[in-house]
Amino acid sequence: MTRQTPARPTDKFDDDDYPAYTMGRAAEMIGTTPAFLRAVGEARLIVPLRSEGGHRRYSRYQLRIAARARELVDQGTPVEAACRIVILEDQLEEAQRLNEELRRPAAGPGQPPGA
């Protein structure tokens, strides 16, 4: 029987998907406004978690996605188009990762994966 280590509150610091940031802090971190975060939310690029009080909370992963959209908007791309581009970039990255996994030779009996 293995004993599980109880989760510590600090474990959430390493979790890219933990919704730790308020809208104001998130906007400040990526150098934008709360209105921009609402706009990318309306475009369904990111969907923030809601606190019990109904306030939006963002994860580090969501902030990286929103920051990429902001880069495109700063270059003159409309918000809706920037969101679509970021979604397609994310899908392409995932497809390339899966493709790379499938191209690796399968491990034979007694061999570690990737050997």
PDB file of N, CA and C in Angstrom:
ATOM      1  N   MET A   1       0.853  -1.183   0.000  1.00  0.00           N
ATOM      2  CA  MET A   1       0.000   0.000   0.000  1.00  0.00           C
ATOM      3  C   MET A   1       0.894   1.239   0.000  1.00  0.00           C
ATOM      4  N   THR A   2       0.674   2.133  -0.940  1.00  0.00           N
ATOM      5  CA  THR A   2       1.477   3.349  -1.003  1.00  0.00           C
ATOM      6  C   THR A   2       0.760   4.463  -0.277  1.00  0.00           C
ATOM      7  N   ARG A   3       1.556   5.295   0.320  1.00  0.00           N
ATOM      8  CA  ARG A   3       0.988   6.409   1.067  1.00  0.00           C
ATOM      9  C   ARG A   3       1.065   7.668   0.214  1.00  0.00           C
ATOM     10  N   GLN A   4      -0.051   8.337   0.055  1.00  0.00           N
ATOM     11  CA  GLN A   4      -0.071   9.562  -0.735  1.00  0.00           C
ATOM     12  C   GLN A   4       0.339  10.738   0.134  1.00  0.00           C
ATOM     13  N   THR A   5       1.143  11.608  -0.444  1.00  0.00           N
ATOM     14  CA  THR A   5       1.524  12.830   0.241  1.00  0.00           C
ATOM     15  C   THR A   5       0.382  13.820   0.095  1.00  0.00           C
ATOM     16  N   PRO A   6      -0.052  14.409   1.205  1.00  0.00           N
ATOM     17  CA  PRO A   6      -1.158  15.371   1.074  1.00  0.00           C
ATOM     18  C   PRO A   6      -0.717  16.580   0.266  1.00  0.00           C
ATOM     19  N   ALA A   7      -1.644  17.126  -0.490  1.00  0.00           N
ATOM     20  CA  ALA A   7      -1.354  18.306  -1.305  1.00  0.00           C
ATOM     21  C   ALA A   7      -1.094  19.493  -0.393  1.00  0.00           C
ATOM     22  N   ARG A   8      -0.095  20.278  -0.747  1.00  0.00           N
ATOM     23  CA  ARG A   8       0.218  21.485   0.013  1.00  0.00           C
ATOM     24  C   ARG A   8      -0.322  22.683  -0.756  1.00  0.00           C
ATOM     25  N   PRO A   9      -0.697  23.735  -0.063  1.00  0.00           N
ATOM     26  CA  PRO A   9      -1.185  24.925  -0.768  1.00  0.00           C
ATOM     27  C   PRO A   9      -0.166  25.469  -1.772  1.00  0.00           C
ATOM     28  N   THR A  10       1.126  25.324  -1.482  1.00  0.00           N
ATOM     29  CA  THR A  10       2.151  25.846  -2.390  1.00  0.00           C
ATOM     30  C   THR A  10       2.255  25.025  -3.669  1.00  0.00           C
ATOM     31  N   ASP A  11       1.684  23.819  -3.710  1.00  0.00           N
ATOM     32  CA  ASP A  11       1.699  23.015  -4.930  1.00  0.00           C
ATOM     33  C   ASP A  11       0.990  23.738  -6.072  1.00  0.00           C
ATOM     34  N   LYS A  12       0.053  24.590  -5.768  1.00  0.00           N
ATOM     35  CA  LYS A  12      -0.706  25.300  -6.791  1.00  0.00           C
ATOM     36  C   LYS A  12       0.146  26.336  -7.520  1.00  0.00           C
ATOM     37  N   PHE A  13       1.274  26.756  -6.918  1.00  0.00           N
ATOM     38  CA  PHE A  13       2.152  27.729  -7.570  1.00  0.00           C
ATOM     39  C   PHE A  13       2.727  27.178  -8.865  1.00  0.00           C
ATOM     40  N   ASP A  14       2.894  25.870  -8.944  1.00  0.00           N
ATOM     41  CA  ASP A  14       3.475  25.248 -10.129  1.00  0.00           C
ATOM     42  C   ASP A  14       2.429  24.828 -11.155  1.00  0.00           C
ATOM     43  N   ASP A  15       1.163  24.992 -10.842  1.00  0.00           N
ATOM     44  CA  ASP A  15       0.071  24.546 -11.701  1.00  0.00           C
ATOM     45  C   ASP A  15      -0.304  25.652 -12.684  1.00  0.00           C
ATOM     46  N   ASP A  16       0.026  25.451 -13.970  1.00  0.00           N
ATOM     47  CA  ASP A  16      -0.281  26.448 -14.997  1.00  0.00           C
ATOM     48  C   ASP A  16      -1.775  26.668 -15.191  1.00  0.00           C
ATOM     49  N   ASP A  17      -2.586  25.717 -14.768  1.00  0.00           N
ATOM     50  CA  ASP A  17      -4.028  25.817 -14.981  1.00  0.00           C
ATOM     51  C   ASP A  17      -4.790  26.325 -13.748  1.00  0.00           C
ATOM     52  N   TYR A  18      -4.088  26.604 -12.666  1.00  0.00           N
ATOM     53  CA  TYR A  18      -4.754  27.085 -11.455  1.00  0.00           C
ATOM     54  C   TYR A  18      -5.159  28.545 -11.634  1.00  0.00           C
ATOM     55  N   PRO A  19      -6.441  28.863 -11.473  1.00  0.00           N
ATOM     56  CA  PRO A  19      -6.928  30.231 -11.703  1.00  0.00           C
ATOM     57  C   PRO A  19      -6.581  31.155 -10.531  1.00  0.00           C
ATOM     58  N   ALA A  20      -5.362  31.631 -10.495  1.00  0.00           N
ATOM     59  CA  ALA A  20      -4.858  32.383  -9.350  1.00  0.00           C
ATOM     60  C   ALA A  20      -5.000  33.896  -9.464  1.00  0.00           C
ATOM     61  N   TYR A  21      -5.255  34.417 -10.655  1.00  0.00           N
ATOM     62  CA  TYR A  21      -5.157  35.861 -10.867  1.00  0.00           C
ATOM     63  C   TYR A  21      -6.507  36.518 -11.113  1.00  0.00           C
ATOM     64  N   THR A  22      -6.725  37.613 -10.427  1.00  0.00           N
ATOM     65  CA  THR A  22      -7.941  38.403 -10.640  1.00  0.00           C
ATOM     66  C   THR A  22      -7.833  39.110 -11.981  1.00  0.00           C
ATOM     67  N   MET A  23      -8.932  39.631 -12.453  1.00  0.00           N
ATOM     68  CA  MET A  23      -8.924  40.324 -13.737  1.00  0.00           C
ATOM     69  C   MET A  23      -7.959  41.508 -13.725  1.00  0.00           C
ATOM     70  N   GLY A  24      -7.987  42.304 -12.688  1.00  0.00           N
ATOM     71  CA  GLY A  24      -7.107  43.459 -12.612  1.00  0.00           C
ATOM     72  C   GLY A  24      -5.641  43.074 -12.616  1.00  0.00           C
ATOM     73  N   ARG A  25      -5.297  42.086 -11.819  1.00  0.00           N
ATOM     74  CA  ARG A  25      -3.900  41.618 -11.754  1.00  0.00           C
ATOM     75  C   ARG A  25      -3.493  40.983 -13.078  1.00  0.00           C
ATOM     76  N   ALA A  26      -4.369  40.200 -13.674  1.00  0.00           N
ATOM     77  CA  ALA A  26      -4.079  39.547 -14.952  1.00  0.00           C
ATOM     78  C   ALA A  26      -3.822  40.594 -16.030  1.00  0.00           C
ATOM     79  N   ALA A  27      -4.663  41.606 -16.097  1.00  0.00           N
ATOM     80  CA  ALA A  27      -4.493  42.671 -17.092  1.00  0.00           C
ATOM     81  C   ALA A  27      -3.164  43.390 -16.871  1.00  0.00           C
ATOM     82  N   GLU A  28      -2.842  43.664 -15.626  1.00  0.00           N
ATOM     83  CA  GLU A  28      -1.580  44.324 -15.301  1.00  0.00           C
ATOM     84  C   GLU A  28      -0.387  43.459 -15.721  1.00  0.00           C
ATOM     85  N   MET A  29      -0.474  42.175 -15.485  1.00  0.00           N
ATOM     86  CA  MET A  29       0.637  41.266 -15.787  1.00  0.00           C
ATOM     87  C   MET A  29       0.950  41.206 -17.278  1.00  0.00           C
ATOM     88  N   ILE A  30      -0.077  41.295 -18.123  1.00  0.00           N
ATOM     89  CA  ILE A  30       0.179  41.206 -19.567  1.00  0.00           C
ATOM     90  C   ILE A  30       0.125  42.576 -20.248  1.00  0.00           C
ATOM     91  N   GLY A  31       0.026  43.626 -19.441  1.00  0.00           N
ATOM     92  CA  GLY A  31       0.097  44.975 -19.984  1.00  0.00           C
ATOM     93  C   GLY A  31      -1.099  45.370 -20.822  1.00  0.00           C
ATOM     94  N   THR A  32      -2.274  45.018 -20.355  1.00  0.00           N
ATOM     95  CA  THR A  32      -3.484  45.364 -21.100  1.00  0.00           C
ATOM     96  C   THR A  32      -4.546  45.865 -20.137  1.00  0.00           C
ATOM     97  N   THR A  33      -5.775  45.885 -20.594  1.00  0.00           N
ATOM     98  CA  THR A  33      -6.882  46.368 -19.764  1.00  0.00           C
ATOM     99  C   THR A  33      -7.855  45.226 -19.470  1.00  0.00           C
ATOM    100  N   PRO A  34      -8.652  45.384 -18.422  1.00  0.00           N
ATOM    101  CA  PRO A  34      -9.700  44.395 -18.184  1.00  0.00           C
ATOM    102  C   PRO A  34     -10.649  44.270 -19.379  1.00  0.00           C
ATOM    103  N   ALA A  35     -10.876  45.355 -20.105  1.00  0.00           N
ATOM    104  CA  ALA A  35     -11.761  45.309 -21.277  1.00  0.00           C
ATOM    105  C   ALA A  35     -11.207  44.358 -22.334  1.00  0.00           C
ATOM    106  N   PHE A  36      -9.874  44.344 -22.505  1.00  0.00           N
ATOM    107  CA  PHE A  36      -9.270  43.425 -23.471  1.00  0.00           C
ATOM    108  C   PHE A  36      -9.501  41.982 -23.025  1.00  0.00           C
ATOM    109  N   LEU A  37      -9.332  41.706 -21.737  1.00  0.00           N
ATOM    110  CA  LEU A  37      -9.571  40.342 -21.242  1.00  0.00           C
ATOM    111  C   LEU A  37     -11.028  39.939 -21.431  1.00  0.00           C
ATOM    112  N   ARG A  38     -11.938  40.879 -21.222  1.00  0.00           N
ATOM    113  CA  ARG A  38     -13.354  40.576 -21.472  1.00  0.00           C
ATOM    114  C   ARG A  38     -13.573  40.274 -22.955  1.00  0.00           C
ATOM    115  N   ALA A  39     -12.904  41.038 -23.836  1.00  0.00           N
ATOM    116  CA  ALA A  39     -13.067  40.844 -25.286  1.00  0.00           C
ATOM    117  C   ALA A  39     -12.569  39.472 -25.720  1.00  0.00           C
ATOM    118  N   VAL A  40     -11.405  39.041 -25.220  1.00  0.00           N
ATOM    119  CA  VAL A  40     -10.911  37.712 -25.611  1.00  0.00           C
ATOM    120  C   VAL A  40     -11.754  36.616 -24.970  1.00  0.00           C
ATOM    121  N   GLY A  41     -12.379  36.930 -23.853  1.00  0.00           N
ATOM    122  CA  GLY A  41     -13.329  35.995 -23.249  1.00  0.00           C
ATOM    123  C   GLY A  41     -14.589  35.863 -24.090  1.00  0.00           C
ATOM    124  N   GLU A  42     -15.096  36.993 -24.587  1.00  0.00           N
ATOM    125  CA  GLU A  42     -16.276  36.975 -25.454  1.00  0.00           C
ATOM    126  C   GLU A  42     -15.995  36.258 -26.764  1.00  0.00           C
ATOM    127  N   ALA A  43     -14.740  36.339 -27.225  1.00  0.00           N
ATOM    128  CA  ALA A  43     -14.341  35.635 -28.462  1.00  0.00           C
ATOM    129  C   ALA A  43     -14.062  34.154 -28.185  1.00  0.00           C
ATOM    130  N   ARG A  44     -14.218  33.741 -26.945  1.00  0.00           N
ATOM    131  CA  ARG A  44     -14.056  32.337 -26.513  1.00  0.00           C
ATOM    132  C   ARG A  44     -12.609  31.843 -26.667  1.00  0.00           C
ATOM    133  N   LEU A  45     -11.638  32.780 -26.639  1.00  0.00           N
ATOM    134  CA  LEU A  45     -10.243  32.366 -26.659  1.00  0.00           C
ATOM    135  C   LEU A  45      -9.873  31.770 -25.308  1.00  0.00           C
ATOM    136  N   ILE A  46     -10.281  32.437 -24.254  1.00  0.00           N
ATOM    137  CA  ILE A  46     -10.078  31.919 -22.901  1.00  0.00           C
ATOM    138  C   ILE A  46     -11.394  32.048 -22.149  1.00  0.00           C
ATOM    139  N   VAL A  47     -11.635  31.120 -21.259  1.00  0.00           N
ATOM    140  CA  VAL A  47     -12.839  31.161 -20.432  1.00  0.00           C
ATOM    141  C   VAL A  47     -12.383  31.135 -18.979  1.00  0.00           C
ATOM    142  N   PRO A  48     -12.385  32.297 -18.329  1.00  0.00           N
ATOM    143  CA  PRO A  48     -11.911  32.328 -16.949  1.00  0.00           C
ATOM    144  C   PRO A  48     -12.862  31.588 -16.012  1.00  0.00           C
ATOM    145  N   LEU A  49     -12.285  31.064 -14.952  1.00  0.00           N
ATOM    146  CA  LEU A  49     -13.096  30.451 -13.908  1.00  0.00           C
ATOM    147  C   LEU A  49     -13.744  31.582 -13.118  1.00  0.00           C
ATOM    148  N   ARG A  50     -14.879  31.334 -12.561  1.00  0.00           N
ATOM    149  CA  ARG A  50     -15.537  32.348 -11.730  1.00  0.00           C
ATOM    150  C   ARG A  50     -15.392  31.964 -10.259  1.00  0.00           C
ATOM    151  N   SER A  51     -15.066  32.946  -9.426  1.00  0.00           N
ATOM    152  CA  SER A  51     -14.988  32.723  -7.987  1.00  0.00           C
ATOM    153  C   SER A  51     -16.407  32.574  -7.445  1.00  0.00           C
ATOM    154  N   GLU A  52     -16.524  32.225  -6.184  1.00  0.00           N
ATOM    155  CA  GLU A  52     -17.853  32.101  -5.579  1.00  0.00           C
ATOM    156  C   GLU A  52     -18.624  33.408  -5.665  1.00  0.00           C
ATOM    157  N   GLY A  53     -17.903  34.529  -5.643  1.00  0.00           N
ATOM    158  CA  GLY A  53     -18.543  35.836  -5.748  1.00  0.00           C
ATOM    159  C   GLY A  53     -18.798  36.273  -7.180  1.00  0.00           C
ATOM    160  N   GLY A  54     -18.448  35.418  -8.162  1.00  0.00           N
ATOM    161  CA  GLY A  54     -18.703  35.728  -9.561  1.00  0.00           C
ATOM    162  C   GLY A  54     -17.582  36.466 -10.269  1.00  0.00           C
ATOM    163  N   HIS A  55     -16.446  36.661  -9.580  1.00  0.00           N
ATOM    164  CA  HIS A  55     -15.322  37.371 -10.185  1.00  0.00           C
ATOM    165  C   HIS A  55     -14.498  36.437 -11.069  1.00  0.00           C
ATOM    166  N   ARG A  56     -13.998  36.991 -12.168  1.00  0.00           N
ATOM    167  CA  ARG A  56     -13.179  36.200 -13.097  1.00  0.00           C
ATOM    168  C   ARG A  56     -11.818  35.923 -12.476  1.00  0.00           C
ATOM    169  N   ARG A  57     -11.324  34.686 -12.703  1.00  0.00           N
ATOM    170  CA  ARG A  57      -9.993  34.287 -12.267  1.00  0.00           C
ATOM    171  C   ARG A  57      -9.282  33.636 -13.444  1.00  0.00           C
ATOM    172  N   TYR A  58      -8.017  33.989 -13.643  1.00  0.00           N
ATOM    173  CA  TYR A  58      -7.239  33.529 -14.787  1.00  0.00           C
ATOM    174  C   TYR A  58      -6.040  32.701 -14.340  1.00  0.00           C
ATOM    175  N   SER A  59      -5.680  31.738 -15.173  1.00  0.00           N
ATOM    176  CA  SER A  59      -4.501  30.909 -14.920  1.00  0.00           C
ATOM    177  C   SER A  59      -3.312  31.466 -15.706  1.00  0.00           C
ATOM    178  N   ARG A  60      -2.119  30.991 -15.379  1.00  0.00           N
ATOM    179  CA  ARG A  60      -0.927  31.408 -16.131  1.00  0.00           C
ATOM    180  C   ARG A  60      -1.039  30.994 -17.601  1.00  0.00           C
ATOM    181  N   TYR A  61      -1.572  29.804 -17.842  1.00  0.00           N
ATOM    182  CA  TYR A  61      -1.744  29.350 -19.227  1.00  0.00           C
ATOM    183  C   TYR A  61      -2.658  30.318 -19.978  1.00  0.00           C
ATOM    184  N   GLN A  62      -3.762  30.693 -19.384  1.00  0.00           N
ATOM    185  CA  GLN A  62      -4.686  31.619 -20.034  1.00  0.00           C
ATOM    186  C   GLN A  62      -4.024  32.975 -20.282  1.00  0.00           C
ATOM    187  N   LEU A  63      -3.182  33.402 -19.361  1.00  0.00           N
ATOM    188  CA  LEU A  63      -2.504  34.690 -19.543  1.00  0.00           C
ATOM    189  C   LEU A  63      -1.499  34.634 -20.683  1.00  0.00           C
ATOM    190  N   ARG A  64      -0.834  33.511 -20.866  1.00  0.00           N
ATOM    191  CA  ARG A  64       0.081  33.375 -22.010  1.00  0.00           C
ATOM    192  C   ARG A  64      -0.692  33.448 -23.323  1.00  0.00           C
ATOM    193  N   ILE A  65      -1.850  32.806 -23.358  1.00  0.00           N
ATOM    194  CA  ILE A  65      -2.696  32.829 -24.552  1.00  0.00           C
ATOM    195  C   ILE A  65      -3.181  34.260 -24.823  1.00  0.00           C
ATOM    196  N   ALA A  66      -3.666  34.932 -23.779  1.00  0.00           N
ATOM    197  CA  ALA A  66      -4.157  36.308 -23.933  1.00  0.00           C
ATOM    198  C   ALA A  66      -3.020  37.251 -24.345  1.00  0.00           C
ATOM    199  N   ALA A  67      -1.813  37.031 -23.816  1.00  0.00           N
ATOM    200  CA  ALA A  67      -0.673  37.874 -24.169  1.00  0.00           C
ATOM    201  C   ALA A  67      -0.325  37.713 -25.646  1.00  0.00           C
ATOM    202  N   ARG A  68      -0.432  36.496 -26.164  1.00  0.00           N
ATOM    203  CA  ARG A  68      -0.163  36.284 -27.591  1.00  0.00           C
ATOM    204  C   ARG A  68      -1.202  37.025 -28.437  1.00  0.00           C
ATOM    205  N   ALA A  69      -2.459  36.965 -28.031  1.00  0.00           N
ATOM    206  CA  ALA A  69      -3.506  37.693 -28.750  1.00  0.00           C
ATOM    207  C   ALA A  69      -3.231  39.196 -28.698  1.00  0.00           C
ATOM    208  N   ARG A  70      -2.776  39.667 -27.555  1.00  0.00           N
ATOM    209  CA  ARG A  70      -2.476  41.088 -27.423  1.00  0.00           C
ATOM    210  C   ARG A  70      -1.362  41.498 -28.375  1.00  0.00           C
ATOM    211  N   GLU A  71      -0.337  40.656 -28.537  1.00  0.00           N
ATOM    212  CA  GLU A  71       0.740  40.948 -29.490  1.00  0.00           C
ATOM    213  C   GLU A  71       0.170  41.165 -30.893  1.00  0.00           C
ATOM    214  N   LEU A  72      -0.732  40.288 -31.289  1.00  0.00           N
ATOM    215  CA  LEU A  72      -1.328  40.384 -32.625  1.00  0.00           C
ATOM    216  C   LEU A  72      -2.186  41.646 -32.764  1.00  0.00           C
ATOM    217  N   VAL A  73      -2.945  41.957 -31.725  1.00  0.00           N
ATOM    218  CA  VAL A  73      -3.785  43.158 -31.748  1.00  0.00           C
ATOM    219  C   VAL A  73      -2.905  44.403 -31.818  1.00  0.00           C
ATOM    220  N   ASP A  74      -1.803  44.394 -31.075  1.00  0.00           N
ATOM    221  CA  ASP A  74      -0.881  45.533 -31.110  1.00  0.00           C
ATOM    222  C   ASP A  74      -0.269  45.729 -32.503  1.00  0.00           C
ATOM    223  N   GLN A  75      -0.235  44.647 -33.294  1.00  0.00           N
ATOM    224  CA  GLN A  75       0.295  44.728 -34.666  1.00  0.00           C
ATOM    225  C   GLN A  75      -0.792  45.121 -35.668  1.00  0.00           C
ATOM    226  N   GLY A  76      -2.016  45.364 -35.170  1.00  0.00           N
ATOM    227  CA  GLY A  76      -3.087  45.817 -36.047  1.00  0.00           C
ATOM    228  C   GLY A  76      -4.129  44.777 -36.403  1.00  0.00           C
ATOM    229  N   THR A  77      -4.014  43.575 -35.858  1.00  0.00           N
ATOM    230  CA  THR A  77      -4.989  42.512 -36.145  1.00  0.00           C
ATOM    231  C   THR A  77      -6.240  42.734 -35.298  1.00  0.00           C
ATOM    232  N   PRO A  78      -7.434  42.650 -35.878  1.00  0.00           N
ATOM    233  CA  PRO A  78      -8.661  42.764 -35.080  1.00  0.00           C
ATOM    234  C   PRO A  78      -8.725  41.657 -34.014  1.00  0.00           C
ATOM    235  N   VAL A  79      -9.364  41.958 -32.899  1.00  0.00           N
ATOM    236  CA  VAL A  79      -9.415  41.016 -31.773  1.00  0.00           C
ATOM    237  C   VAL A  79      -9.942  39.649 -32.195  1.00  0.00           C
ATOM    238  N   GLU A  80     -11.050  39.617 -32.921  1.00  0.00           N
ATOM    239  CA  GLU A  80     -11.633  38.323 -33.329  1.00  0.00           C
ATOM    240  C   GLU A  80     -10.643  37.513 -34.165  1.00  0.00           C
ATOM    241  N   ALA A  81      -9.972  38.179 -35.102  1.00  0.00           N
ATOM    242  CA  ALA A  81      -8.999  37.491 -35.957  1.00  0.00           C
ATOM    243  C   ALA A  81      -7.791  37.038 -35.135  1.00  0.00           C
ATOM    244  N   ALA A  82      -7.343  37.867 -34.199  1.00  0.00           N
ATOM    245  CA  ALA A  82      -6.211  37.500 -33.348  1.00  0.00           C
ATOM    246  C   ALA A  82      -6.541  36.257 -32.529  1.00  0.00           C
ATOM    247  N   CYS A  83      -7.746  36.192 -32.014  1.00  0.00           N
ATOM    248  CA  CYS A  83      -8.162  35.028 -31.229  1.00  0.00           C
ATOM    249  C   CYS A  83      -8.173  33.772 -32.093  1.00  0.00           C
ATOM    250  N   ARG A  84      -8.675  33.901 -33.304  1.00  0.00           N
ATOM    251  CA  ARG A  84      -8.702  32.745 -34.223  1.00  0.00           C
ATOM    252  C   ARG A  84      -7.284  32.292 -34.557  1.00  0.00           C
ATOM    253  N   ILE A  85      -6.380  33.231 -34.795  1.00  0.00           N
ATOM    254  CA  ILE A  85      -4.984  32.895 -35.092  1.00  0.00           C
ATOM    255  C   ILE A  85      -4.356  32.149 -33.919  1.00  0.00           C
ATOM    256  N   VAL A  86      -4.582  32.639 -32.704  1.00  0.00           N
ATOM    257  CA  VAL A  86      -4.001  31.998 -31.522  1.00  0.00           C
ATOM    258  C   VAL A  86      -4.552  30.586 -31.349  1.00  0.00           C
ATOM    259  N   ILE A  87      -5.838  30.408 -31.588  1.00  0.00           N
ATOM    260  CA  ILE A  87      -6.440  29.070 -31.505  1.00  0.00           C
ATOM    261  C   ILE A  87      -5.790  28.141 -32.519  1.00  0.00           C
ATOM    262  N   LEU A  88      -5.623  28.612 -33.743  1.00  0.00           N
ATOM    263  CA  LEU A  88      -4.995  27.789 -34.785  1.00  0.00           C
ATOM    264  C   LEU A  88      -3.531  27.489 -34.461  1.00  0.00           C
ATOM    265  N   GLU A  89      -2.809  28.456 -33.919  1.00  0.00           N
ATOM    266  CA  GLU A  89      -1.423  28.214 -33.510  1.00  0.00           C
ATOM    267  C   GLU A  89      -1.352  27.139 -32.433  1.00  0.00           C
ATOM    268  N   ASP A  90      -2.262  27.217 -31.483  1.00  0.00           N
ATOM    269  CA  ASP A  90      -2.299  26.241 -30.389  1.00  0.00           C
ATOM    270  C   ASP A  90      -2.622  24.844 -30.925  1.00  0.00           C
ATOM    271  N   GLN A  91      -3.576  24.764 -31.849  1.00  0.00           N
ATOM    272  CA  GLN A  91      -3.925  23.473 -32.452  1.00  0.00           C
ATOM    273  C   GLN A  91      -2.761  22.904 -33.256  1.00  0.00           C
ATOM    274  N   LEU A  92      -2.053  23.763 -33.977  1.00  0.00           N
ATOM    275  CA  LEU A  92      -0.900  23.320 -34.757  1.00  0.00           C
ATOM    276  C   LEU A  92       0.198  22.793 -33.840  1.00  0.00           C
ATOM    277  N   GLU A  93       0.470  23.498 -32.766  1.00  0.00           N
ATOM    278  CA  GLU A  93       1.487  23.059 -31.813  1.00  0.00           C
ATOM    279  C   GLU A  93       1.145  21.687 -31.231  1.00  0.00           C
ATOM    280  N   GLU A  94      -0.114  21.499 -30.880  1.00  0.00           N
ATOM    281  CA  GLU A  94      -0.554  20.202 -30.336  1.00  0.00           C
ATOM    282  C   GLU A  94      -0.440  19.101 -31.384  1.00  0.00           C
ATOM    283  N   ALA A  95      -0.817  19.383 -32.617  1.00  0.00           N
ATOM    284  CA  ALA A  95      -0.715  18.385 -33.695  1.00  0.00           C
ATOM    285  C   ALA A  95       0.747  18.016 -33.947  1.00  0.00           C
ATOM    286  N   GLN A  96       1.620  19.001 -33.917  1.00  0.00           N
ATOM    287  CA  GLN A  96       3.045  18.719 -34.113  1.00  0.00           C
ATOM    288  C   GLN A  96       3.599  17.871 -32.972  1.00  0.00           C
ATOM    289  N   ARG A  97       3.162  18.158 -31.754  1.00  0.00           N
ATOM    290  CA  ARG A  97       3.604  17.361 -30.599  1.00  0.00           C
ATOM    291  C   ARG A  97       3.155  15.916 -30.737  1.00  0.00           C
ATOM    292  N   LEU A  98       1.896  15.711 -31.108  1.00  0.00           N
ATOM    293  CA  LEU A  98       1.369  14.354 -31.290  1.00  0.00           C
ATOM    294  C   LEU A  98       2.076  13.642 -32.431  1.00  0.00           C
ATOM    295  N   ASN A  99       2.323  14.351 -33.516  1.00  0.00           N
ATOM    296  CA  ASN A  99       3.014  13.782 -34.661  1.00  0.00           C
ATOM    297  C   ASN A  99       4.412  13.311 -34.257  1.00  0.00           C
ATOM    298  N   GLU A 100       5.112  14.117 -33.482  1.00  0.00           N
ATOM    299  CA  GLU A 100       6.444  13.755 -33.011  1.00  0.00           C
ATOM    300  C   GLU A 100       6.393  12.505 -32.126  1.00  0.00           C
ATOM    301  N   GLU A 101       5.395  12.442 -31.262  1.00  0.00           N
ATOM    302  CA  GLU A 101       5.222  11.255 -30.410  1.00  0.00           C
ATOM    303  C   GLU A 101       5.026  10.000 -31.255  1.00  0.00           C
ATOM    304  N   LEU A 102       4.215  10.098 -32.284  1.00  0.00           N
ATOM    305  CA  LEU A 102       3.918   8.944 -33.128  1.00  0.00           C
ATOM    306  C   LEU A 102       5.109   8.531 -33.988  1.00  0.00           C
ATOM    307  N   ARG A 103       5.995   9.458 -34.256  1.00  0.00           N
ATOM    308  CA  ARG A 103       7.171   9.144 -35.077  1.00  0.00           C
ATOM    309  C   ARG A 103       8.273   8.449 -34.285  1.00  0.00           C
ATOM    310  N   ARG A 104       8.233   8.559 -32.968  1.00  0.00           N
ATOM    311  CA  ARG A 104       9.245   7.888 -32.155  1.00  0.00           C
ATOM    312  C   ARG A 104       9.072   6.385 -32.284  1.00  0.00           C
ATOM    313  N   PRO A 105      10.205   5.645 -32.378  1.00  0.00           N
ATOM    314  CA  PRO A 105      10.078   4.197 -32.466  1.00  0.00           C
ATOM    315  C   PRO A 105       9.464   3.626 -31.188  1.00  0.00           C
ATOM    316  N   ALA A 106       8.623   2.625 -31.397  1.00  0.00           N
ATOM    317  CA  ALA A 106       7.989   1.972 -30.246  1.00  0.00           C
ATOM    318  C   ALA A 106       9.039   1.189 -29.477  1.00  0.00           C
ATOM    319  N   ALA A 107       8.918   1.162 -28.162  1.00  0.00           N
ATOM    320  CA  ALA A 107       9.844   0.408 -27.336  1.00  0.00           C
ATOM    321  C   ALA A 107       9.550  -1.079 -27.480  1.00  0.00           C
ATOM    322  N   GLY A 108      10.578  -1.853 -27.658  1.00  0.00           N
ATOM    323  CA  GLY A 108      10.433  -3.317 -27.743  1.00  0.00           C
ATOM    324  C   GLY A 108      10.357  -3.906 -26.339  1.00  0.00           C
ATOM    325  N   PRO A 109      10.145  -5.241 -26.249  1.00  0.00           N
ATOM    326  CA  PRO A 109      10.073  -5.889 -24.945  1.00  0.00           C
ATOM    327  C   PRO A 109      11.366  -5.665 -24.175  1.00  0.00           C
ATOM    328  N   GLY A 110      11.240  -5.252 -22.940  1.00  0.00           N
ATOM    329  CA  GLY A 110      12.392  -5.077 -22.087  1.00  0.00           C
ATOM    330  C   GLY A 110      13.146  -3.777 -22.331  1.00  0.00           C
ATOM    331  N   GLN A 111      12.672  -2.937 -23.252  1.00  0.00           N
ATOM    332  CA  GLN A 111      13.335  -1.661 -23.521  1.00  0.00           C
ATOM    333  C   GLN A 111      12.515  -0.521 -22.925  1.00  0.00           C
ATOM    334  N   PRO A 112      13.204   0.461 -22.399  1.00  0.00           N
ATOM    335  CA  PRO A 112      12.450   1.619 -21.900  1.00  0.00           C
ATOM    336  C   PRO A 112      11.848   2.393 -23.053  1.00  0.00           C
ATOM    337  N   PRO A 113      10.749   3.121 -22.833  1.00  0.00           N
ATOM    338  CA  PRO A 113      10.138   3.906 -23.912  1.00  0.00           C
ATOM    339  C   PRO A 113      11.144   4.885 -24.500  1.00  0.00           C
ATOM    340  N   GLY A 114      11.126   5.016 -25.810  1.00  0.00           N
ATOM    341  CA  GLY A 114      12.020   5.933 -26.495  1.00  0.00           C
ATOM    342  C   GLY A 114      13.397   5.356 -26.770  1.00  0.00           C
ATOM    343  N   ALA A 115      13.622   4.100 -26.360  1.00  0.00           N
ATOM    344  CA  ALA A 115      14.954   3.497 -26.565  1.00  0.00           C
ATOM    345  C   ALA A 115      15.077   2.932 -27.953  1.00  0.00           C
TER     346      ALA A 115
END
